[in-house]
Protein backbone atom coordinates (compact mmCIF):
# COMPACT_ATOMS: atom_id res chain seq x y z
CA UNK A 1 103.36 81.66 72.39
CA UNK A 2 102.50 82.15 68.72
CA UNK A 3 102.03 80.13 65.64
CA UNK A 4 104.17 82.46 63.61
CA UNK A 5 106.38 81.79 61.76
CA UNK A 6 105.82 78.20 60.69
CA UNK A 7 108.96 76.26 59.82
CA UNK A 8 108.83 75.67 56.03
CA UNK A 9 111.65 73.09 55.94
CA UNK A 10 112.98 70.37 58.13
CA UNK A 11 116.54 69.06 58.13
CA UNK A 12 116.03 65.30 57.78
CA UNK A 13 118.11 63.60 60.39
CA UNK A 14 120.68 66.37 60.60
CA UNK A 15 121.77 68.42 63.57
CA UNK A 16 119.56 71.26 62.40
CA UNK A 17 116.31 69.30 62.64
CA UNK A 18 113.60 71.07 64.56
CA UNK A 19 113.14 69.53 67.97
CA UNK A 20 110.35 67.02 67.94
CA UNK A 21 109.67 67.53 64.25
CA UNK A 22 111.29 64.40 62.85
CA UNK A 23 110.28 60.96 64.20
CA UNK A 24 112.92 58.62 65.59
CA UNK A 25 114.76 56.90 62.77
CA UNK A 26 114.46 59.84 60.34
CA UNK A 27 111.70 61.36 58.27
CA UNK A 28 109.20 58.81 56.94
CA UNK A 29 109.83 57.91 53.30
CA UNK A 30 106.16 57.31 52.58
CA UNK A 31 105.12 60.94 53.21
CA UNK A 32 105.48 64.02 51.03
CA UNK A 33 108.72 65.96 51.61
CA UNK A 34 108.69 67.74 54.93
CA UNK A 35 109.18 71.22 53.52
CA UNK A 36 106.43 70.72 50.99
CA UNK A 37 104.08 69.38 53.61
CA UNK A 38 104.66 72.26 56.02
CA UNK A 39 104.27 74.81 53.25
CA UNK A 40 100.98 73.23 52.23
CA UNK A 41 99.77 73.41 55.82
CA UNK A 42 100.95 76.99 56.12
CA UNK A 43 99.02 77.98 52.97
CA UNK A 44 95.80 76.24 53.92
CA UNK A 45 92.86 78.54 53.89
CA UNK A 46 91.80 77.86 57.49
CA UNK A 47 95.37 78.55 58.74
CA UNK A 48 95.56 81.85 56.84
CA UNK A 49 92.20 82.87 58.22
CA UNK A 50 93.32 82.04 61.78
CA UNK A 51 96.45 84.13 61.23
CA UNK A 52 94.35 87.17 60.38
CA UNK A 53 92.35 86.42 63.52
CA UNK A 54 95.52 86.84 65.59
CA UNK A 55 96.28 90.19 63.93
CA UNK A 56 92.75 91.40 64.67
CA UNK A 57 92.90 90.42 68.33
CA UNK A 58 96.36 92.01 68.70
CA UNK A 59 94.86 95.25 67.48
CA UNK A 60 91.91 94.76 69.87
CA UNK A 61 94.37 94.25 72.73
CA UNK A 62 96.13 97.50 71.83
CA UNK A 63 92.77 99.29 71.80
CA UNK A 64 91.91 97.98 75.28
CA UNK A 65 95.27 98.96 76.66
CA UNK A 66 94.96 102.49 75.22
CA UNK A 67 91.44 102.84 76.51
CA UNK A 68 88.28 103.84 74.70
CA UNK A 69 88.06 107.35 76.16
CA UNK A 70 89.25 110.35 74.11
CA UNK A 71 89.61 114.02 74.98
CA UNK A 72 86.67 116.09 73.73
CA UNK A 73 87.00 119.70 72.68
CA UNK A 74 83.92 121.94 72.65
CA UNK A 75 83.43 125.55 71.54
CA UNK A 76 80.31 127.68 72.00
CA UNK A 77 79.55 131.05 70.49
CA UNK A 78 76.71 133.10 71.89
CA UNK A 79 75.10 136.49 71.31
CA UNK A 80 73.46 138.20 74.27
CA UNK A 81 70.92 141.04 73.90
CA UNK A 82 70.00 142.97 77.04
CA UNK A 83 66.86 145.17 77.34
CA UNK A 84 65.78 147.95 77.88
CA UNK A 85 69.31 149.23 77.05
CA UNK A 86 69.05 147.19 73.85
CA UNK A 87 72.71 146.25 74.23
CA UNK A 88 74.26 143.30 72.35
CA UNK A 89 77.17 141.24 73.68
CA UNK A 90 79.19 138.48 72.07
CA UNK A 91 80.00 135.60 74.39
CA UNK A 92 82.00 132.42 73.82
CA UNK A 93 83.10 129.35 75.76
CA UNK A 94 85.68 126.67 75.07
CA UNK A 95 86.13 123.53 77.09
CA UNK A 96 87.82 120.13 77.15
CA UNK A 97 86.61 116.97 78.93
CA UNK A 98 87.79 113.42 79.23
CA UNK A 99 86.67 110.29 81.02
CA UNK A 100 89.25 108.49 83.17
CA UNK A 101 89.46 104.80 84.00
CA UNK A 102 89.34 104.11 87.65
CA UNK A 103 92.41 102.51 89.27
CA UNK A 104 92.75 98.77 88.38
CA UNK A 105 90.62 98.87 85.23
CA UNK A 106 93.59 99.44 82.94
CA UNK A 107 95.27 96.31 84.24
CA UNK A 108 92.03 94.36 83.73
CA UNK A 109 91.75 95.64 80.18
CA UNK A 110 95.34 94.62 79.44
CA UNK A 111 94.67 91.19 80.91
CA UNK A 112 91.50 90.82 78.83
CA UNK A 113 93.26 91.85 75.65
CA UNK A 114 96.01 89.31 76.28
CA UNK A 115 93.48 86.55 76.87
CA UNK A 116 91.69 87.33 73.63
CA UNK A 117 95.01 87.13 71.76
CA UNK A 118 95.71 83.85 73.52
CA UNK A 119 92.41 82.48 72.23
CA UNK A 120 93.24 83.61 68.67
CA UNK A 121 96.65 81.93 68.88
CA UNK A 122 95.09 78.72 70.20
CA UNK A 123 92.58 78.89 67.36
CA UNK A 124 95.43 79.29 64.89
CA UNK A 125 97.33 76.34 66.39
CA UNK A 126 94.18 74.20 66.28
CA UNK A 127 93.58 75.21 62.62
CA UNK A 128 97.14 74.30 61.65
CA UNK A 129 96.97 70.95 63.42
CA UNK A 130 93.61 70.13 61.81
CA UNK A 131 95.08 71.08 58.43
CA UNK A 132 97.98 68.70 59.12
CA UNK A 133 95.52 65.93 59.94
CA UNK A 134 93.59 66.64 56.74
CA UNK A 135 96.81 66.50 54.74
CA UNK A 136 97.79 63.14 56.30
CA UNK A 137 94.32 61.71 55.70
CA UNK A 138 94.13 63.03 52.17
CA UNK A 139 97.61 61.78 51.35
CA UNK A 140 96.78 58.26 52.49
CA UNK A 141 93.49 58.31 50.62
CA UNK A 142 95.58 58.92 47.52
CA UNK A 143 98.13 56.29 48.51
CA UNK A 144 95.34 53.68 48.99
CA UNK A 145 94.00 54.57 45.55
CA UNK A 146 97.44 53.94 44.10
CA UNK A 147 97.70 50.61 45.90
CA UNK A 148 94.38 49.48 44.47
CA UNK A 149 95.55 50.44 40.98
CA UNK A 150 98.80 48.49 41.39
CA UNK A 151 97.02 45.35 42.61
CA UNK A 152 94.45 45.40 39.83
CA UNK A 153 97.13 46.05 37.22
CA UNK A 154 98.94 43.00 38.56
CA UNK A 155 95.75 40.97 38.46
CA UNK A 156 95.07 42.00 34.85
CA UNK A 157 98.58 40.89 33.95
CA UNK A 158 98.18 37.52 35.69
CA UNK A 159 94.78 36.89 34.05
CA UNK A 160 96.36 37.75 30.73
CA UNK A 161 98.90 35.04 31.37
CA UNK A 162 96.17 32.63 32.32
CA UNK A 163 94.34 33.43 29.11
CA UNK A 164 97.43 32.56 27.06
CA UNK A 165 97.73 29.25 28.90
CA UNK A 166 94.07 28.52 28.15
CA UNK A 167 94.53 29.27 24.47
CA UNK A 168 97.51 26.93 24.27
CA UNK A 169 95.57 24.14 25.90
CA UNK A 170 92.63 24.75 23.54
CA UNK A 171 94.95 24.59 20.56
CA UNK A 172 96.39 21.37 21.91
CA UNK A 173 92.91 19.95 22.37
CA UNK A 174 93.27 19.74 26.16
CA UNK A 175 90.60 22.36 27.03
CA UNK A 176 87.16 23.42 25.82
CA UNK A 177 86.41 26.82 24.28
CA UNK A 178 84.16 27.62 27.25
CA UNK A 179 87.25 27.98 29.38
CA UNK A 180 88.37 30.90 27.20
CA UNK A 181 85.00 32.60 27.70
CA UNK A 182 85.32 32.24 31.50
CA UNK A 183 88.84 33.58 31.46
CA UNK A 184 87.86 36.49 29.17
CA UNK A 185 85.05 37.36 31.55
CA UNK A 186 87.38 37.34 34.58
CA UNK A 187 89.85 39.54 32.67
CA UNK A 188 87.12 41.96 31.72
CA UNK A 189 86.03 42.20 35.37
CA UNK A 190 89.55 42.86 36.45
CA UNK A 191 89.93 45.61 33.83
CA UNK A 192 86.69 47.21 35.03
CA UNK A 193 87.91 47.06 38.64
CA UNK A 194 91.20 48.67 37.47
CA UNK A 195 89.27 51.51 35.82
CA UNK A 196 87.29 52.07 39.01
CA UNK A 197 90.47 52.07 41.07
CA UNK A 198 92.02 54.66 38.77
CA UNK A 199 88.92 56.81 39.17
CA UNK A 200 89.15 56.64 42.94
CA UNK A 201 92.82 57.49 42.86
CA UNK A 202 92.12 60.55 40.69
CA UNK A 203 89.30 61.66 42.94
CA UNK A 204 91.61 61.44 45.96
CA UNK A 205 94.30 63.40 44.05
CA UNK A 206 91.77 66.08 43.10
CA UNK A 207 90.48 66.39 46.65
CA UNK A 208 94.00 66.74 48.00
CA UNK A 209 94.92 69.32 45.41
CA UNK A 210 91.75 71.34 46.15
CA UNK A 211 92.64 71.60 49.84
CA UNK A 212 96.40 71.95 49.49
CA UNK A 213 97.14 73.67 46.23
CA UNK A 214 100.87 73.98 46.73
CA UNK A 215 101.43 70.25 47.27
CA UNK A 216 102.68 68.47 44.19
CA UNK A 217 101.91 64.78 44.00
CA UNK A 218 104.50 62.37 42.61
CA UNK A 219 103.73 60.25 39.54
CA UNK A 220 103.28 57.09 41.65
CA UNK A 221 102.47 56.38 45.24
CA UNK A 222 105.49 55.95 47.50
CA UNK A 223 106.57 52.58 48.80
CA UNK A 224 105.03 52.11 52.26
CA UNK A 225 107.29 51.54 55.23
CA UNK A 226 106.72 48.46 57.32
CA UNK A 227 104.27 49.24 60.12
CA UNK A 228 105.70 48.85 63.62
CA UNK A 229 104.41 49.34 67.11
CA UNK A 230 105.32 52.82 68.45
CA UNK A 231 108.51 52.93 70.46
CA UNK A 232 107.91 53.82 74.09
CA UNK A 233 105.14 53.07 76.54
CA UNK A 234 101.49 54.21 76.15
CA UNK A 235 101.76 56.53 79.17
CA UNK A 236 104.55 58.54 77.51
CA UNK A 237 102.54 58.85 74.30
CA UNK A 238 99.44 59.92 76.22
CA UNK A 239 101.45 62.62 78.04
CA UNK A 240 102.90 63.93 74.79
CA UNK A 241 99.55 64.00 73.02
CA UNK A 242 97.82 65.83 75.89
CA UNK A 243 100.70 68.28 76.08
CA UNK A 244 100.06 69.28 72.44
CA UNK A 245 96.29 68.90 72.18
CA UNK A 246 95.25 72.14 70.44
CA UNK A 247 91.53 71.64 71.00
CA UNK A 248 92.20 71.29 74.73
CA UNK A 249 94.46 74.37 74.71
CA UNK A 250 91.73 76.28 72.90
CA UNK A 251 89.09 75.29 75.46
CA UNK A 252 91.36 76.39 78.32
CA UNK A 253 92.15 79.69 76.63
CA UNK A 254 88.42 80.35 76.11
CA UNK A 255 87.73 79.58 79.77
CA UNK A 256 90.48 81.98 80.90
CA UNK A 257 89.29 84.66 78.48
CA UNK A 258 85.73 84.59 79.85
CA UNK A 259 87.08 84.73 83.39
CA UNK A 260 88.85 87.89 82.38
CA UNK A 261 85.60 89.18 80.82
CA UNK A 262 83.79 88.54 84.09
CA UNK A 263 86.43 90.47 86.04
CA UNK A 264 86.23 93.43 83.66
CA UNK A 265 82.43 93.53 83.68
CA UNK A 266 82.41 93.38 87.44
CA UNK A 267 84.75 96.38 87.56
CA UNK A 268 82.48 98.16 85.03
CA UNK A 269 79.64 98.18 87.62
CA UNK A 270 81.43 101.25 89.03
CA UNK A 271 81.27 103.84 86.23
CA UNK A 272 84.22 105.93 85.17
CA UNK A 273 84.02 109.70 85.90
CA UNK A 274 84.32 112.37 83.27
CA UNK A 275 86.30 115.54 84.15
CA UNK A 276 85.95 118.75 82.18
CA UNK A 277 87.66 122.19 82.16
CA UNK A 278 85.92 125.28 80.70
CA UNK A 279 86.95 128.83 79.97
CA UNK A 280 84.75 131.60 78.51
CA UNK A 281 84.18 135.32 78.09
CA UNK A 282 80.80 137.00 78.52
CA UNK A 283 79.50 140.59 78.04
CA UNK A 284 82.01 141.06 75.20
CA UNK A 285 84.90 140.25 77.46
CA UNK A 286 83.87 142.21 80.52
CA UNK A 287 83.35 138.95 82.42
CA UNK A 288 85.65 135.88 82.26
CA UNK A 289 84.50 132.47 83.39
CA UNK A 290 86.60 129.45 84.37
CA UNK A 291 84.83 126.22 85.33
CA UNK A 292 85.62 122.65 86.36
CA UNK A 293 83.05 119.87 85.85
CA UNK A 294 82.70 116.31 87.09
CA UNK A 295 80.09 113.84 85.87
CA UNK A 296 79.50 110.20 86.70
CA UNK A 297 76.98 107.94 84.90
CA UNK A 298 74.42 106.27 87.11
CA UNK A 299 74.65 102.51 86.50
CA UNK A 300 71.42 100.90 85.34
CA UNK A 301 70.01 97.52 84.41
CA UNK A 302 72.00 97.30 81.20
CA UNK A 303 75.30 96.94 83.09
CA UNK A 304 73.86 94.34 85.39
CA UNK A 305 72.40 92.37 82.48
CA UNK A 306 75.75 92.49 80.71
CA UNK A 307 77.44 91.08 83.78
CA UNK A 308 74.90 88.28 84.08
CA UNK A 309 75.40 87.35 80.45
CA UNK A 310 79.19 87.32 80.85
CA UNK A 311 78.94 85.09 83.92
CA UNK A 312 76.80 82.63 81.96
CA UNK A 313 79.34 82.62 79.12
CA UNK A 314 82.14 81.95 81.63
CA UNK A 315 80.18 78.99 83.09
CA UNK A 316 79.62 77.62 79.61
CA UNK A 317 83.32 77.96 78.74
CA UNK A 318 84.22 76.14 81.97
CA UNK A 319 81.88 73.30 81.05
CA UNK A 320 83.40 73.09 77.56
CA UNK A 321 86.86 72.94 79.08
CA UNK A 322 85.86 70.04 81.32
CA UNK A 323 84.38 68.26 78.32
CA UNK A 324 87.55 68.90 76.31
CA UNK A 325 89.71 67.43 79.11
CA UNK A 326 87.65 64.22 79.10
CA UNK A 327 87.61 64.02 75.31
CA UNK A 328 91.35 64.61 75.03
CA UNK A 329 92.10 61.95 77.62
CA UNK A 330 89.90 59.39 75.89
CA UNK A 331 91.36 60.14 72.46
CA UNK A 332 94.91 59.98 73.81
CA UNK A 333 94.28 56.60 75.35
CA UNK A 334 92.76 55.26 72.15
CA UNK A 335 95.43 56.58 69.80
CA UNK A 336 98.13 54.18 70.82
CA UNK A 337 95.78 51.23 70.89
CA UNK A 338 94.57 52.12 67.41
CA UNK A 339 98.12 51.76 66.09
CA UNK A 340 98.64 48.41 67.89
CA UNK A 341 95.36 47.08 66.49
CA UNK A 342 96.13 48.31 62.95
CA UNK A 343 99.57 46.70 62.99
CA UNK A 344 98.15 43.38 64.16
CA UNK A 345 95.43 43.51 61.44
CA UNK A 346 98.16 44.15 58.83
CA UNK A 347 100.25 41.19 59.97
CA UNK A 348 97.29 38.86 59.88
CA UNK A 349 96.20 40.17 56.50
CA UNK A 350 99.74 39.82 55.10
CA UNK A 351 99.91 36.20 56.26
CA UNK A 352 96.55 35.46 54.66
CA UNK A 353 97.60 37.19 51.42
CA UNK A 354 100.85 35.21 51.25
CA UNK A 355 98.95 31.94 51.68
CA UNK A 356 96.36 32.90 49.04
CA UNK A 357 99.11 33.93 46.58
CA UNK A 358 100.93 30.64 47.03
CA UNK A 359 97.68 28.74 46.59
CA UNK A 360 96.81 30.66 43.38
CA UNK A 361 100.27 29.97 41.94
CA UNK A 362 99.89 26.20 42.74
CA UNK A 363 96.43 25.98 41.21
CA UNK A 364 97.70 27.81 38.10
CA UNK A 365 100.55 25.33 37.71
CA UNK A 366 98.14 22.45 38.23
CA UNK A 367 95.90 23.83 35.46
CA UNK A 368 98.81 24.17 33.08
CA UNK A 369 99.61 20.52 33.77
CA UNK A 370 96.05 19.51 33.17
CA UNK A 371 95.36 18.67 36.83
CA UNK A 372 92.67 21.30 37.60
CA UNK A 373 89.93 23.24 35.88
CA UNK A 374 89.97 26.91 34.81
CA UNK A 375 87.21 27.80 37.30
CA UNK A 376 89.43 26.71 40.16
CA UNK A 377 92.20 28.92 38.81
CA UNK A 378 89.99 31.92 38.44
CA UNK A 379 88.55 31.47 41.91
CA UNK A 380 92.02 31.13 43.40
CA UNK A 381 93.19 34.31 41.52
CA UNK A 382 90.21 36.26 42.72
CA UNK A 383 90.71 35.24 46.32
CA UNK A 384 94.39 36.02 46.05
CA UNK A 385 93.96 39.50 44.69
CA UNK A 386 91.27 40.27 47.29
CA UNK A 387 93.63 39.10 50.05
CA UNK A 388 96.61 40.97 48.60
CA UNK A 389 94.61 44.17 48.28
CA UNK A 390 93.26 43.83 51.80
CA UNK A 391 96.82 43.35 53.13
CA UNK A 392 98.18 46.41 51.27
CA UNK A 393 95.28 48.54 52.43
CA UNK A 394 95.79 47.28 55.98
CA UNK A 395 99.44 48.31 55.68
CA UNK A 396 98.40 51.79 54.61
CA UNK A 397 95.94 52.03 57.44
CA UNK A 398 98.55 50.97 59.97
CA UNK A 399 101.06 53.49 58.65
CA UNK A 400 98.47 56.21 58.71
CA UNK A 401 97.58 55.37 62.33
CA UNK A 402 101.20 55.39 63.38
CA UNK A 403 101.91 58.71 61.66
CA UNK A 404 98.71 60.20 63.10
CA UNK A 405 100.07 59.23 66.52
CA UNK A 406 103.36 60.95 65.72
CA UNK A 407 101.47 63.98 64.47
CA UNK A 408 99.29 64.39 67.54
CA UNK A 409 102.36 64.04 69.78
CA UNK A 410 104.12 66.82 67.78
CA UNK A 411 106.84 64.45 66.62
CA UNK A 412 105.86 65.01 63.00
CA UNK A 413 105.10 68.36 61.28
CA UNK A 414 105.23 70.28 64.59
CA UNK A 415 103.45 73.35 63.25
CA UNK A 416 103.76 75.69 66.27
CA UNK A 417 106.71 74.21 68.12
CA UNK A 418 105.30 74.98 71.56
CA UNK A 419 103.84 72.69 74.21
CA UNK A 420 101.06 73.73 76.56
CA UNK A 421 102.42 75.26 79.69
CA UNK A 422 99.50 73.87 81.69
CA UNK A 423 99.25 70.34 80.20
CA UNK A 424 98.08 67.66 82.67
């Protein structure tokens, strides 16, 4: 299982769509293009760093499989002087030696190397998924900023219309000049709120561009789709989310890795022997020497301390895995409910906004007919824009929650295309 290569394009609704990558009903229209989104995720700094981590651990695995022992070659040159004959002899020795892994250790090393690669792959998958979550959150921050700008632009336009009505009534002698001042003040407040909204939208765009430099933002925010309850029962969603929970997969990979470390350190308590072969000539070649050597290190406290530390790390990894299982289960249970709550909030907010908008229109007509005061109009307009903005933000929140559910279940931007083989 590996993160590489990421799919950089999705066929939207066609037969070539990646399995599980496009939500039912086609790709959401209120998201960036699928290819652009996946490319942005692929190029994220944390994803690239995790990729290099895989490469490093693959090299480490190859090193463990090959073994750390190398053949050593040694050469000695000696000069021997013998008295009283005062004779001088040239002697030399050459030898090779090599340590050998005991039976079973090579298999343990290969297992350990594979577990370390598995951890690196799980880390890369988690990094890609977190990058996708950041992209989704940053995108909707920008979308919400755009919605605020749209609503305050609409409010500025409506207050401009109200100002023209006030001026006509003043000219006709039906209203006092103070009413113009009140309307001017409300219009100035709306323009200030519009400027603040534009600033927040720009900040969201800058933050998104800083994290995902390849993602190009459109000129205006997309039209949001209507939020709906997720199709399917909560149990199915929970199963899919747990099957693709990268943090849970990482915790399990870490636990298995440390179990492999324990097994390897346990085997290391029995040291590996070193075998050597020597050949030499002495007394200027009159004597020839052939030797075979065997040496075995005597295990000391360092090996036992290393084993104790590894056992402690394994226990800690097991505890983290148990915590990850509980956390993943709780988050999976809450994810579906979060969407249901957000959709209900949006529906209630939309109903309130519709009522406030109708009321503001009625009060405005009544003022134009001389049946109400300008303060009542301005109050109604303020309440209407607040309700409309709340409804549109609630819609964005509901859409984000629904798409986050799709993302966590790997039905959207499936960045590694592989489910856990040991999902609960």
